[in-house]
Amino acid sequence: MDNVMVYLVPPEKLHIQCWSSSYPEKIKCTWELQPDTNLPTTFLTTYRLGLIGPEAPQKCTQLEMNPKSCLISNFKMFEEFPYVLNVTALNQLGSITQLDYFFVENIIRPDPPVNLSISPICHESKKLYIQWQPPHSWPYPDIFPLKYQVRYTKTGSTSYRTVGPYEQNSLVLTGIRRGSIVYVQVAAKDITDLGHNSDWSEVVTSRPWQPYDLKCLP
């Protein structure tokens, strides 16, 4: 049997990402050690507004389900200075500290829309009706609304067509080829264009109405 060499090393590099999928309530940060230390490693996590100032650092609450992540729930919107996350990784061979700077509004990234559905419309052989809902993690969709992009393709195609953005939660796709099976996804973004698009939602599929269809929207 070949011997497998396992190298034990001190922490060398941290790759940190922070984003807010539940703006303006929480920010989630995650990190990865590169390379893996192959040793039990403890993480200390704090954050503050700016590098200097009157406010003391606060604890970024680590998550039991994922020890390489933490939540920030006490922050202010539209600050002039960036927030700074401080992550220190330490094991028996050493430690490393990494800082990550961010403006809250620059890291807004909603989760994908949910409850996406697609339906044929009775006696409309070139149309499909699509509807969806904001992600459950987005706490105040009436106060901080989202806008949506829709992309779709059909069986046999190698590319997507993207339409939008739209502020409503439904859309009638037109100009669909009769009998085509259509695949649809939706993505969300803050309506003021702050931050980033969500990932695309799960795929839903349907085809336009045909004369023998019993289930269709009136």
N, C-alpha and C. Protein backbone atom coordinates (compact mmCIF):
# COMPACT_ATOMS: atom_id res chain seq x y z
N MET A 1 0.85 -1.20 0.00
CA MET A 1 0.00 0.00 0.00
C MET A 1 0.89 1.25 0.00
N ASP A 2 0.57 2.19 -0.86
CA ASP A 2 1.36 3.42 -0.93
C ASP A 2 1.12 4.26 0.31
N ASN A 3 2.20 4.89 0.79
CA ASN A 3 2.07 5.81 1.91
C ASN A 3 1.54 7.14 1.40
N VAL A 4 0.59 7.71 2.12
CA VAL A 4 0.03 9.01 1.77
C VAL A 4 0.59 10.04 2.73
N MET A 5 1.27 11.05 2.16
CA MET A 5 1.86 12.10 2.98
C MET A 5 0.83 13.20 3.23
N VAL A 6 0.60 13.51 4.49
CA VAL A 6 -0.29 14.61 4.86
C VAL A 6 0.54 15.70 5.49
N TYR A 7 0.54 16.87 4.88
CA TYR A 7 1.36 17.97 5.36
C TYR A 7 0.53 18.85 6.29
N LEU A 8 1.08 19.09 7.47
CA LEU A 8 0.45 19.97 8.44
C LEU A 8 1.08 21.35 8.32
N VAL A 9 0.27 22.35 8.07
CA VAL A 9 0.81 23.68 7.79
C VAL A 9 0.03 24.73 8.58
N PRO A 10 0.67 25.87 8.86
CA PRO A 10 -0.07 26.97 9.47
C PRO A 10 -0.99 27.61 8.43
N PRO A 11 -1.98 28.36 8.87
CA PRO A 11 -2.83 29.08 7.90
C PRO A 11 -1.99 30.02 7.05
N GLU A 12 -2.23 30.02 5.74
CA GLU A 12 -1.43 30.85 4.84
C GLU A 12 -2.25 31.93 4.13
N LYS A 13 -3.47 31.58 3.71
CA LYS A 13 -4.26 32.54 2.95
C LYS A 13 -5.74 32.29 3.18
N LEU A 14 -6.50 33.37 3.31
CA LEU A 14 -7.95 33.30 3.46
C LEU A 14 -8.62 33.96 2.26
N HIS A 15 -9.58 33.28 1.69
CA HIS A 15 -10.39 33.87 0.62
C HIS A 15 -11.77 34.15 1.20
N ILE A 16 -12.15 35.44 1.29
CA ILE A 16 -13.36 35.87 1.98
C ILE A 16 -14.37 36.41 0.97
N GLN A 17 -15.64 36.08 1.18
CA GLN A 17 -16.74 36.64 0.40
C GLN A 17 -17.86 37.08 1.34
N CYS A 18 -18.40 38.26 1.11
CA CYS A 18 -19.55 38.75 1.88
C CYS A 18 -20.65 39.20 0.92
N TRP A 19 -21.90 38.92 1.27
CA TRP A 19 -23.02 39.38 0.46
C TRP A 19 -24.27 39.48 1.33
N SER A 20 -25.24 40.24 0.84
CA SER A 20 -26.49 40.40 1.57
C SER A 20 -27.64 39.91 0.69
N SER A 21 -28.20 38.76 1.05
CA SER A 21 -29.37 38.23 0.35
C SER A 21 -30.65 38.56 1.11
N SER A 22 -30.51 39.21 2.27
CA SER A 22 -31.69 39.60 3.07
C SER A 22 -31.55 41.06 3.50
N TYR A 23 -31.15 41.91 2.55
CA TYR A 23 -31.01 43.34 2.80
C TYR A 23 -32.36 43.94 3.20
N PRO A 24 -32.40 44.82 4.21
CA PRO A 24 -31.28 45.38 4.97
C PRO A 24 -31.12 44.74 6.36
N GLU A 25 -31.38 43.46 6.49
CA GLU A 25 -31.34 42.83 7.80
C GLU A 25 -30.01 42.15 8.12
N LYS A 26 -29.46 41.40 7.15
CA LYS A 26 -28.29 40.58 7.46
C LYS A 26 -27.29 40.57 6.31
N ILE A 27 -26.03 40.38 6.69
CA ILE A 27 -24.95 40.15 5.74
C ILE A 27 -24.30 38.82 6.12
N LYS A 28 -24.07 37.98 5.14
CA LYS A 28 -23.39 36.71 5.39
C LYS A 28 -22.00 36.75 4.79
N CYS A 29 -21.03 36.27 5.54
CA CYS A 29 -19.65 36.18 5.06
C CYS A 29 -19.17 34.75 5.19
N THR A 30 -18.45 34.29 4.19
CA THR A 30 -17.85 32.96 4.23
C THR A 30 -16.38 33.09 3.86
N TRP A 31 -15.61 32.08 4.21
CA TRP A 31 -14.18 32.10 3.88
C TRP A 31 -13.67 30.68 3.69
N GLU A 32 -12.56 30.60 2.98
CA GLU A 32 -11.88 29.33 2.76
C GLU A 32 -10.39 29.51 3.04
N LEU A 33 -9.81 28.49 3.66
CA LEU A 33 -8.36 28.47 3.87
C LEU A 33 -7.69 27.85 2.65
N GLN A 34 -6.64 28.51 2.17
CA GLN A 34 -5.90 28.00 1.02
C GLN A 34 -4.41 28.02 1.33
N PRO A 35 -3.72 26.87 1.36
CA PRO A 35 -4.27 25.51 1.22
C PRO A 35 -4.89 25.04 2.54
N ASP A 36 -5.52 23.87 2.50
CA ASP A 36 -6.07 23.26 3.71
C ASP A 36 -4.94 22.98 4.68
N THR A 37 -5.11 23.34 5.95
CA THR A 37 -4.04 23.17 6.93
C THR A 37 -3.95 21.74 7.44
N ASN A 38 -5.02 20.95 7.27
CA ASN A 38 -5.08 19.58 7.81
C ASN A 38 -4.94 19.55 9.32
N LEU A 39 -5.30 20.64 9.96
CA LEU A 39 -5.26 20.75 11.42
C LEU A 39 -6.54 21.42 11.91
N PRO A 40 -6.96 21.12 13.14
CA PRO A 40 -8.08 21.88 13.72
C PRO A 40 -7.74 23.37 13.74
N THR A 41 -8.64 24.17 13.23
CA THR A 41 -8.38 25.61 13.10
C THR A 41 -9.52 26.39 13.72
N THR A 42 -9.16 27.40 14.49
CA THR A 42 -10.14 28.28 15.12
C THR A 42 -10.19 29.59 14.35
N PHE A 43 -11.39 30.17 14.25
CA PHE A 43 -11.57 31.43 13.54
C PHE A 43 -12.13 32.48 14.49
N LEU A 44 -11.54 33.66 14.46
CA LEU A 44 -12.02 34.81 15.21
C LEU A 44 -12.53 35.83 14.21
N THR A 45 -13.76 36.31 14.40
CA THR A 45 -14.38 37.16 13.39
C THR A 45 -15.00 38.40 14.04
N THR A 46 -14.56 39.56 13.59
CA THR A 46 -15.13 40.83 14.04
C THR A 46 -15.31 41.74 12.84
N TYR A 47 -16.11 42.79 13.02
CA TYR A 47 -16.27 43.78 11.95
C TYR A 47 -16.45 45.15 12.58
N ARG A 48 -16.21 46.16 11.79
CA ARG A 48 -16.42 47.53 12.25
C ARG A 48 -16.63 48.42 11.04
N LEU A 49 -17.11 49.64 11.30
CA LEU A 49 -17.29 50.63 10.25
C LEU A 49 -16.00 51.42 10.11
N GLY A 50 -15.30 51.27 8.99
CA GLY A 50 -14.04 51.95 8.76
C GLY A 50 -12.90 51.33 9.55
N LEU A 51 -11.69 51.71 9.18
CA LEU A 51 -10.51 51.19 9.88
C LEU A 51 -10.31 51.86 11.22
N ILE A 52 -10.69 53.12 11.31
CA ILE A 52 -10.56 53.85 12.56
C ILE A 52 -11.88 54.57 12.83
N GLY A 53 -12.08 54.96 14.06
CA GLY A 53 -13.31 55.66 14.41
C GLY A 53 -13.73 55.33 15.82
N PRO A 54 -14.80 55.97 16.28
CA PRO A 54 -15.22 55.80 17.67
C PRO A 54 -15.89 54.46 17.97
N GLU A 55 -16.40 53.79 16.94
CA GLU A 55 -17.13 52.56 17.18
C GLU A 55 -16.18 51.38 17.39
N ALA A 56 -16.44 50.61 18.45
CA ALA A 56 -15.62 49.43 18.73
C ALA A 56 -15.98 48.30 17.77
N PRO A 57 -15.04 47.39 17.50
CA PRO A 57 -15.36 46.23 16.67
C PRO A 57 -16.48 45.41 17.29
N GLN A 58 -17.31 44.84 16.44
CA GLN A 58 -18.40 43.97 16.89
C GLN A 58 -18.16 42.55 16.39
N LYS A 59 -18.78 41.60 17.06
CA LYS A 59 -18.59 40.20 16.71
C LYS A 59 -19.45 39.84 15.50
N CYS A 60 -18.83 39.19 14.53
CA CYS A 60 -19.57 38.58 13.43
C CYS A 60 -19.92 37.16 13.88
N THR A 61 -21.20 36.89 14.06
CA THR A 61 -21.65 35.66 14.71
C THR A 61 -21.44 34.45 13.81
N GLN A 62 -20.59 33.52 14.26
CA GLN A 62 -20.31 32.33 13.46
C GLN A 62 -21.47 31.34 13.54
N LEU A 63 -21.65 30.60 12.46
CA LEU A 63 -22.76 29.66 12.34
C LEU A 63 -22.31 28.25 12.69
N GLU A 64 -23.06 27.59 13.55
CA GLU A 64 -22.69 26.23 13.96
C GLU A 64 -22.70 25.27 12.77
N MET A 65 -23.64 25.45 11.87
CA MET A 65 -23.75 24.53 10.74
C MET A 65 -22.61 24.70 9.75
N ASN A 66 -21.95 25.84 9.78
CA ASN A 66 -20.81 26.09 8.88
C ASN A 66 -19.81 26.97 9.62
N PRO A 67 -18.78 26.36 10.22
CA PRO A 67 -17.84 27.14 11.02
C PRO A 67 -17.02 28.14 10.21
N LYS A 68 -17.06 28.05 8.89
CA LYS A 68 -16.34 29.00 8.05
C LYS A 68 -17.29 30.06 7.50
N SER A 69 -18.20 30.52 8.34
CA SER A 69 -19.13 31.57 7.93
C SER A 69 -19.61 32.32 9.16
N CYS A 70 -20.09 33.55 8.94
CA CYS A 70 -20.64 34.34 10.05
C CYS A 70 -21.67 35.31 9.52
N LEU A 71 -22.51 35.82 10.43
CA LEU A 71 -23.59 36.75 10.08
C LEU A 71 -23.38 38.09 10.76
N ILE A 72 -23.60 39.15 9.99
CA ILE A 72 -23.60 40.52 10.51
C ILE A 72 -25.05 41.01 10.47
N SER A 73 -25.57 41.39 11.61
CA SER A 73 -26.98 41.82 11.66
C SER A 73 -27.15 43.24 12.19
N ASN A 74 -26.07 43.88 12.57
CA ASN A 74 -26.13 45.24 13.09
C ASN A 74 -25.26 46.13 12.22
N PHE A 75 -25.87 46.76 11.22
CA PHE A 75 -25.12 47.63 10.33
C PHE A 75 -26.02 48.76 9.85
N LYS A 76 -25.42 49.78 9.30
CA LYS A 76 -26.14 50.95 8.81
C LYS A 76 -26.10 50.98 7.28
N MET A 77 -27.16 51.52 6.71
CA MET A 77 -27.24 51.63 5.26
C MET A 77 -26.59 52.92 4.77
N PHE A 78 -26.08 52.87 3.56
CA PHE A 78 -25.58 54.05 2.84
C PHE A 78 -24.54 54.82 3.64
N GLU A 79 -23.60 54.08 4.23
CA GLU A 79 -22.52 54.72 4.97
C GLU A 79 -21.46 55.27 4.01
N GLU A 80 -20.79 56.34 4.46
CA GLU A 80 -19.75 56.97 3.64
C GLU A 80 -18.49 56.11 3.58
N PHE A 81 -18.24 55.36 4.64
CA PHE A 81 -17.03 54.55 4.72
C PHE A 81 -17.39 53.06 4.65
N PRO A 82 -16.46 52.23 4.19
CA PRO A 82 -16.76 50.80 4.09
C PRO A 82 -16.73 50.12 5.45
N TYR A 83 -17.44 49.01 5.53
CA TYR A 83 -17.28 48.11 6.66
C TYR A 83 -16.05 47.24 6.42
N VAL A 84 -15.44 46.81 7.53
CA VAL A 84 -14.24 45.98 7.45
C VAL A 84 -14.48 44.72 8.26
N LEU A 85 -14.40 43.58 7.60
CA LEU A 85 -14.49 42.29 8.29
C LEU A 85 -13.07 41.80 8.57
N ASN A 86 -12.83 41.40 9.81
CA ASN A 86 -11.52 40.89 10.24
C ASN A 86 -11.68 39.41 10.57
N VAL A 87 -11.02 38.55 9.82
CA VAL A 87 -11.04 37.10 10.08
C VAL A 87 -9.62 36.66 10.43
N THR A 88 -9.47 36.06 11.60
CA THR A 88 -8.19 35.49 12.02
C THR A 88 -8.34 33.98 12.13
N ALA A 89 -7.47 33.26 11.44
CA ALA A 89 -7.43 31.80 11.51
C ALA A 89 -6.19 31.39 12.28
N LEU A 90 -6.35 30.51 13.27
CA LEU A 90 -5.18 30.08 14.04
C LEU A 90 -5.26 28.59 14.36
N ASN A 91 -4.11 27.95 14.25
CA ASN A 91 -3.95 26.57 14.69
C ASN A 91 -2.63 26.45 15.43
N GLN A 92 -2.23 25.22 15.76
CA GLN A 92 -1.06 25.04 16.63
C GLN A 92 0.24 25.44 15.96
N LEU A 93 0.22 25.67 14.64
CA LEU A 93 1.45 26.04 13.93
C LEU A 93 1.53 27.52 13.59
N GLY A 94 0.45 28.26 13.80
CA GLY A 94 0.52 29.69 13.49
C GLY A 94 -0.85 30.29 13.26
N SER A 95 -0.85 31.51 12.73
CA SER A 95 -2.11 32.22 12.50
C SER A 95 -1.95 33.18 11.33
N ILE A 96 -3.10 33.61 10.81
CA ILE A 96 -3.11 34.62 9.76
C ILE A 96 -4.37 35.45 9.93
N THR A 97 -4.27 36.74 9.61
CA THR A 97 -5.41 37.65 9.67
C THR A 97 -5.65 38.25 8.29
N GLN A 98 -6.90 38.25 7.87
CA GLN A 98 -7.27 38.81 6.58
C GLN A 98 -8.41 39.80 6.78
N LEU A 99 -8.32 40.95 6.10
CA LEU A 99 -9.37 41.96 6.14
C LEU A 99 -10.13 41.97 4.82
N ASP A 100 -11.44 42.18 4.92
CA ASP A 100 -12.27 42.31 3.73
C ASP A 100 -13.09 43.59 3.86
N TYR A 101 -13.00 44.46 2.86
CA TYR A 101 -13.68 45.76 2.89
C TYR A 101 -14.90 45.71 1.98
N PHE A 102 -16.01 46.30 2.42
CA PHE A 102 -17.18 46.34 1.55
C PHE A 102 -18.12 47.47 1.96
N PHE A 103 -18.76 48.06 0.95
CA PHE A 103 -19.92 48.92 1.16
C PHE A 103 -21.16 48.04 1.07
N VAL A 104 -22.05 48.18 2.02
CA VAL A 104 -23.19 47.26 2.11
C VAL A 104 -23.98 47.21 0.80
N GLU A 105 -24.25 48.37 0.23
CA GLU A 105 -25.10 48.40 -0.97
C GLU A 105 -24.41 47.77 -2.19
N ASN A 106 -23.08 47.65 -2.14
CA ASN A 106 -22.37 47.02 -3.26
C ASN A 106 -22.43 45.50 -3.23
N ILE A 107 -22.81 44.93 -2.09
CA ILE A 107 -22.79 43.46 -1.97
C ILE A 107 -24.21 42.88 -1.85
N ILE A 108 -25.22 43.69 -2.18
CA ILE A 108 -26.58 43.15 -2.22
C ILE A 108 -26.66 42.10 -3.33
N ARG A 109 -27.13 40.93 -2.99
CA ARG A 109 -27.32 39.87 -3.98
C ARG A 109 -28.48 38.99 -3.54
N PRO A 110 -29.67 39.23 -4.06
CA PRO A 110 -30.82 38.43 -3.63
C PRO A 110 -30.64 36.95 -3.96
N ASP A 111 -31.37 36.12 -3.24
CA ASP A 111 -31.50 34.73 -3.66
C ASP A 111 -32.40 34.67 -4.89
N PRO A 112 -32.40 33.56 -5.62
CA PRO A 112 -33.25 33.47 -6.81
C PRO A 112 -34.74 33.55 -6.46
N PRO A 113 -35.56 34.04 -7.38
CA PRO A 113 -37.01 34.01 -7.19
C PRO A 113 -37.50 32.58 -6.96
N VAL A 114 -38.66 32.49 -6.32
CA VAL A 114 -39.20 31.17 -5.96
C VAL A 114 -40.60 31.00 -6.54
N ASN A 115 -41.10 29.77 -6.42
CA ASN A 115 -42.45 29.43 -6.89
C ASN A 115 -42.69 29.82 -8.34
N LEU A 116 -41.68 29.60 -9.15
CA LEU A 116 -41.80 29.89 -10.58
C LEU A 116 -42.73 28.86 -11.23
N SER A 117 -43.65 29.34 -12.03
CA SER A 117 -44.56 28.45 -12.75
C SER A 117 -44.76 28.95 -14.17
N ILE A 118 -45.13 28.04 -15.05
CA ILE A 118 -45.34 28.39 -16.45
C ILE A 118 -46.57 27.63 -16.94
N SER A 119 -47.44 28.33 -17.66
CA SER A 119 -48.72 27.72 -18.05
C SER A 119 -49.08 28.12 -19.48
N PRO A 120 -49.67 27.20 -20.24
CA PRO A 120 -50.23 27.58 -21.54
C PRO A 120 -51.49 28.43 -21.34
N ILE A 121 -51.80 29.25 -22.32
CA ILE A 121 -52.99 30.10 -22.29
C ILE A 121 -53.98 29.54 -23.30
N CYS A 122 -55.20 29.32 -22.85
CA CYS A 122 -56.20 28.69 -23.72
C CYS A 122 -56.35 29.43 -25.05
N HIS A 123 -56.28 28.68 -26.14
CA HIS A 123 -56.49 29.18 -27.50
C HIS A 123 -55.39 30.15 -27.94
N GLU A 124 -54.26 30.17 -27.22
CA GLU A 124 -53.10 30.99 -27.62
C GLU A 124 -51.94 30.04 -27.91
N SER A 125 -51.72 29.75 -29.17
CA SER A 125 -50.74 28.72 -29.54
C SER A 125 -49.31 29.24 -29.62
N LYS A 126 -49.10 30.54 -29.35
CA LYS A 126 -47.75 31.11 -29.40
C LYS A 126 -47.40 31.89 -28.14
N LYS A 127 -48.13 31.62 -27.05
CA LYS A 127 -47.91 32.37 -25.82
C LYS A 127 -47.81 31.43 -24.62
N LEU A 128 -47.08 31.89 -23.60
CA LEU A 128 -46.99 31.19 -22.31
C LEU A 128 -47.05 32.21 -21.20
N TYR A 129 -47.71 31.85 -20.12
CA TYR A 129 -47.84 32.73 -18.95
C TYR A 129 -46.88 32.26 -17.86
N ILE A 130 -46.04 33.18 -17.38
CA ILE A 130 -45.04 32.87 -16.36
C ILE A 130 -45.32 33.73 -15.14
N GLN A 131 -45.20 33.16 -13.95
CA GLN A 131 -45.29 33.94 -12.72
C GLN A 131 -44.31 33.40 -11.70
N TRP A 132 -43.95 34.24 -10.73
CA TRP A 132 -42.97 33.90 -9.71
C TRP A 132 -43.19 34.77 -8.50
N GLN A 133 -42.43 34.51 -7.44
CA GLN A 133 -42.49 35.31 -6.22
C GLN A 133 -41.09 35.71 -5.79
N PRO A 134 -40.97 36.82 -5.04
CA PRO A 134 -39.65 37.19 -4.51
C PRO A 134 -39.11 36.08 -3.61
N PRO A 135 -37.80 35.97 -3.47
CA PRO A 135 -37.24 34.96 -2.57
C PRO A 135 -37.72 35.18 -1.14
N HIS A 136 -37.96 34.10 -0.41
CA HIS A 136 -38.43 34.21 0.97
C HIS A 136 -37.42 34.93 1.86
N SER A 137 -36.15 34.89 1.49
CA SER A 137 -35.11 35.52 2.31
C SER A 137 -35.08 37.04 2.15
N TRP A 138 -35.82 37.58 1.17
CA TRP A 138 -35.86 39.04 0.96
C TRP A 138 -36.96 39.60 1.87
N PRO A 139 -36.60 40.30 2.97
CA PRO A 139 -37.58 40.53 4.04
C PRO A 139 -38.65 41.57 3.74
N TYR A 140 -38.34 42.59 2.94
CA TYR A 140 -39.30 43.69 2.76
C TYR A 140 -39.48 44.00 1.27
N PRO A 141 -40.10 43.11 0.51
CA PRO A 141 -40.23 43.35 -0.93
C PRO A 141 -41.08 44.55 -1.28
N ASP A 142 -41.97 44.98 -0.37
CA ASP A 142 -42.77 46.17 -0.66
C ASP A 142 -41.99 47.46 -0.44
N ILE A 143 -41.03 47.42 0.49
CA ILE A 143 -40.22 48.61 0.78
C ILE A 143 -38.98 48.65 -0.08
N PHE A 144 -38.36 47.50 -0.28
CA PHE A 144 -37.17 47.38 -1.11
C PHE A 144 -37.49 46.41 -2.26
N PRO A 145 -38.23 46.88 -3.26
CA PRO A 145 -38.67 45.97 -4.32
C PRO A 145 -37.52 45.47 -5.18
N LEU A 146 -37.79 44.40 -5.87
CA LEU A 146 -36.83 43.80 -6.78
C LEU A 146 -37.29 43.98 -8.22
N LYS A 147 -36.36 43.87 -9.13
CA LYS A 147 -36.70 43.78 -10.56
C LYS A 147 -36.19 42.43 -11.07
N TYR A 148 -36.74 42.01 -12.20
CA TYR A 148 -36.51 40.63 -12.63
C TYR A 148 -36.14 40.56 -14.11
N GLN A 149 -35.24 39.64 -14.40
CA GLN A 149 -34.95 39.27 -15.78
C GLN A 149 -35.42 37.84 -16.01
N VAL A 150 -35.88 37.59 -17.20
CA VAL A 150 -36.37 36.26 -17.59
C VAL A 150 -35.53 35.78 -18.76
N ARG A 151 -35.07 34.55 -18.67
CA ARG A 151 -34.40 33.96 -19.83
C ARG A 151 -35.08 32.65 -20.20
N TYR A 152 -35.10 32.37 -21.49
CA TYR A 152 -35.77 31.15 -21.93
C TYR A 152 -35.10 30.61 -23.19
N THR A 153 -35.28 29.34 -23.37
CA THR A 153 -34.77 28.66 -24.55
C THR A 153 -35.76 27.56 -24.91
N LYS A 154 -35.53 26.90 -26.01
CA LYS A 154 -36.42 25.82 -26.43
C LYS A 154 -35.60 24.58 -26.76
N THR A 155 -36.25 23.46 -26.82
CA THR A 155 -35.57 22.21 -27.14
C THR A 155 -34.84 22.33 -28.48
N GLY A 156 -33.57 21.94 -28.47
CA GLY A 156 -32.77 21.99 -29.68
C GLY A 156 -31.96 23.25 -29.85
N SER A 157 -32.24 24.29 -29.06
CA SER A 157 -31.50 25.54 -29.15
C SER A 157 -30.26 25.49 -28.26
N THR A 158 -29.21 26.18 -28.67
CA THR A 158 -27.98 26.23 -27.88
C THR A 158 -27.80 27.57 -27.17
N SER A 159 -28.78 28.45 -27.24
CA SER A 159 -28.64 29.76 -26.61
C SER A 159 -29.95 30.16 -25.94
N TYR A 160 -29.83 31.12 -25.01
CA TYR A 160 -30.99 31.66 -24.30
C TYR A 160 -31.32 33.05 -24.85
N ARG A 161 -32.57 33.40 -24.78
CA ARG A 161 -32.99 34.78 -24.99
C ARG A 161 -33.35 35.37 -23.63
N THR A 162 -32.83 36.56 -23.34
CA THR A 162 -33.08 37.21 -22.05
C THR A 162 -33.91 38.46 -22.27
N VAL A 163 -34.97 38.63 -21.48
CA VAL A 163 -35.84 39.80 -21.58
C VAL A 163 -35.98 40.43 -20.20
N GLY A 164 -36.31 41.72 -20.18
CA GLY A 164 -36.46 42.44 -18.93
C GLY A 164 -35.42 43.55 -18.84
N PRO A 165 -35.34 44.21 -17.69
CA PRO A 165 -35.97 43.84 -16.42
C PRO A 165 -37.45 44.25 -16.33
N TYR A 166 -38.16 43.54 -15.45
CA TYR A 166 -39.57 43.80 -15.17
C TYR A 166 -39.75 44.01 -13.68
N GLU A 167 -40.68 44.88 -13.33
CA GLU A 167 -40.97 45.11 -11.91
C GLU A 167 -42.11 44.24 -11.41
N GLN A 168 -42.90 43.69 -12.30
CA GLN A 168 -44.02 42.84 -11.89
C GLN A 168 -43.52 41.40 -11.70
N ASN A 169 -44.41 40.57 -11.14
CA ASN A 169 -44.06 39.18 -10.84
C ASN A 169 -44.68 38.20 -11.82
N SER A 170 -45.00 38.67 -13.01
CA SER A 170 -45.56 37.78 -14.03
C SER A 170 -45.27 38.35 -15.41
N LEU A 171 -45.41 37.49 -16.40
CA LEU A 171 -45.08 37.89 -17.77
C LEU A 171 -45.75 36.94 -18.75
N VAL A 172 -46.21 37.48 -19.86
CA VAL A 172 -46.69 36.66 -20.97
C VAL A 172 -45.60 36.64 -22.04
N LEU A 173 -45.03 35.47 -22.26
CA LEU A 173 -44.07 35.30 -23.35
C LEU A 173 -44.83 35.16 -24.65
N THR A 174 -44.42 35.91 -25.65
CA THR A 174 -45.10 35.87 -26.94
C THR A 174 -44.12 35.42 -28.03
N GLY A 175 -44.66 35.11 -29.17
CA GLY A 175 -43.82 34.73 -30.30
C GLY A 175 -43.19 33.36 -30.17
N ILE A 176 -43.76 32.51 -29.33
CA ILE A 176 -43.23 31.16 -29.17
C ILE A 176 -43.67 30.30 -30.36
N ARG A 177 -42.77 29.52 -30.87
CA ARG A 177 -43.14 28.63 -31.98
C ARG A 177 -44.13 27.57 -31.51
N ARG A 178 -45.13 27.32 -32.30
CA ARG A 178 -46.17 26.36 -31.94
C ARG A 178 -45.56 24.98 -31.65
N GLY A 179 -45.97 24.41 -30.53
CA GLY A 179 -45.51 23.08 -30.17
C GLY A 179 -44.13 23.01 -29.55
N SER A 180 -43.41 24.14 -29.49
CA SER A 180 -42.06 24.13 -28.92
C SER A 180 -42.11 23.92 -27.41
N ILE A 181 -41.21 23.11 -26.89
CA ILE A 181 -41.04 22.98 -25.45
C ILE A 181 -40.08 24.07 -25.00
N VAL A 182 -40.52 24.89 -24.06
CA VAL A 182 -39.77 26.07 -23.64
C VAL A 182 -39.28 25.88 -22.20
N TYR A 183 -38.03 26.30 -21.95
CA TYR A 183 -37.41 26.21 -20.63
C TYR A 183 -37.16 27.63 -20.14
N VAL A 184 -37.62 27.94 -18.93
CA VAL A 184 -37.61 29.32 -18.43
C VAL A 184 -36.94 29.39 -17.06
N GLN A 185 -36.16 30.47 -16.84
CA GLN A 185 -35.60 30.80 -15.53
C GLN A 185 -35.75 32.29 -15.29
N VAL A 186 -35.73 32.69 -14.01
CA VAL A 186 -35.87 34.09 -13.62
C VAL A 186 -34.77 34.45 -12.63
N ALA A 187 -34.23 35.66 -12.73
CA ALA A 187 -33.25 36.18 -11.78
C ALA A 187 -33.74 37.51 -11.23
N ALA A 188 -33.27 37.87 -10.03
CA ALA A 188 -33.72 39.09 -9.35
C ALA A 188 -32.54 40.01 -9.06
N LYS A 189 -32.87 41.30 -8.93
CA LYS A 189 -31.87 42.30 -8.53
C LYS A 189 -32.60 43.44 -7.83
N ASP A 190 -31.91 44.14 -6.94
CA ASP A 190 -32.48 45.32 -6.31
C ASP A 190 -32.97 46.28 -7.38
N ILE A 191 -34.14 46.86 -7.17
CA ILE A 191 -34.77 47.67 -8.21
C ILE A 191 -33.98 48.92 -8.55
N THR A 192 -33.16 49.41 -7.61
CA THR A 192 -32.35 50.60 -7.86
C THR A 192 -31.02 50.25 -8.53
N ASP A 193 -30.83 49.00 -8.86
CA ASP A 193 -29.64 48.50 -9.56
C ASP A 193 -28.41 48.41 -8.67
N LEU A 194 -28.60 48.44 -7.36
CA LEU A 194 -27.48 48.27 -6.44
C LEU A 194 -27.09 46.79 -6.37
N GLY A 195 -25.81 46.53 -6.21
CA GLY A 195 -25.36 45.17 -5.99
C GLY A 195 -25.35 44.32 -7.24
N HIS A 196 -25.74 43.05 -7.08
CA HIS A 196 -25.58 42.05 -8.13
C HIS A 196 -26.89 41.30 -8.38
N ASN A 197 -26.96 40.70 -9.55
CA ASN A 197 -28.08 39.81 -9.86
C ASN A 197 -28.02 38.56 -9.00
N SER A 198 -29.17 38.00 -8.72
CA SER A 198 -29.21 36.68 -8.08
C SER A 198 -28.74 35.62 -9.08
N ASP A 199 -28.53 34.42 -8.59
CA ASP A 199 -28.40 33.29 -9.51
C ASP A 199 -29.74 33.08 -10.21
N TRP A 200 -29.70 32.33 -11.29
CA TRP A 200 -30.95 32.00 -11.97
C TRP A 200 -31.75 31.01 -11.15
N SER A 201 -33.05 31.13 -11.23
CA SER A 201 -33.95 30.22 -10.51
C SER A 201 -33.88 28.82 -11.10
N GLU A 202 -34.60 27.91 -10.46
CA GLU A 202 -34.77 26.58 -11.05
C GLU A 202 -35.49 26.70 -12.39
N VAL A 203 -35.33 25.70 -13.22
CA VAL A 203 -35.94 25.71 -14.55
C VAL A 203 -37.37 25.19 -14.48
N VAL A 204 -38.28 25.87 -15.17
CA VAL A 204 -39.62 25.32 -15.39
C VAL A 204 -39.81 25.18 -16.90
N THR A 205 -40.66 24.27 -17.28
CA THR A 205 -40.82 23.99 -18.71
C THR A 205 -42.29 23.76 -19.06
N SER A 206 -42.64 24.16 -20.27
CA SER A 206 -43.99 23.93 -20.79
C SER A 206 -43.95 24.17 -22.29
N ARG A 207 -45.09 24.06 -22.92
CA ARG A 207 -45.24 24.40 -24.33
C ARG A 207 -46.55 25.16 -24.50
N PRO A 208 -46.68 25.96 -25.55
CA PRO A 208 -47.93 26.70 -25.75
C PRO A 208 -49.13 25.77 -25.93
N TRP A 209 -50.30 26.36 -25.82
CA TRP A 209 -51.56 25.63 -25.92
C TRP A 209 -51.69 24.91 -27.26
N GLN A 210 -52.24 23.70 -27.18
CA GLN A 210 -52.61 22.95 -28.38
C GLN A 210 -54.08 22.54 -28.25
N PRO A 211 -54.77 22.30 -29.35
CA PRO A 211 -56.23 22.10 -29.31
C PRO A 211 -56.71 21.02 -28.36
N TYR A 212 -55.91 20.00 -28.09
CA TYR A 212 -56.38 18.91 -27.22
C TYR A 212 -56.02 19.14 -25.75
N ASP A 213 -55.39 20.28 -25.41
CA ASP A 213 -55.01 20.55 -24.02
C ASP A 213 -56.25 20.80 -23.17
N LEU A 214 -56.31 20.13 -22.01
CA LEU A 214 -57.41 20.34 -21.07
C LEU A 214 -57.04 21.34 -19.98
N LYS A 215 -55.74 21.47 -19.69
CA LYS A 215 -55.29 22.39 -18.64
C LYS A 215 -54.62 23.60 -19.28
N CYS A 216 -55.25 24.74 -19.12
CA CYS A 216 -54.69 25.99 -19.64
C CYS A 216 -55.37 27.15 -18.93
N LEU A 217 -54.73 28.30 -18.99
CA LEU A 217 -55.31 29.49 -18.36
C LEU A 217 -56.34 30.11 -19.29
N PRO A 218 -57.48 30.52 -18.75
CA PRO A 218 -58.52 31.12 -19.60
C PRO A 218 -58.09 32.48 -20.12
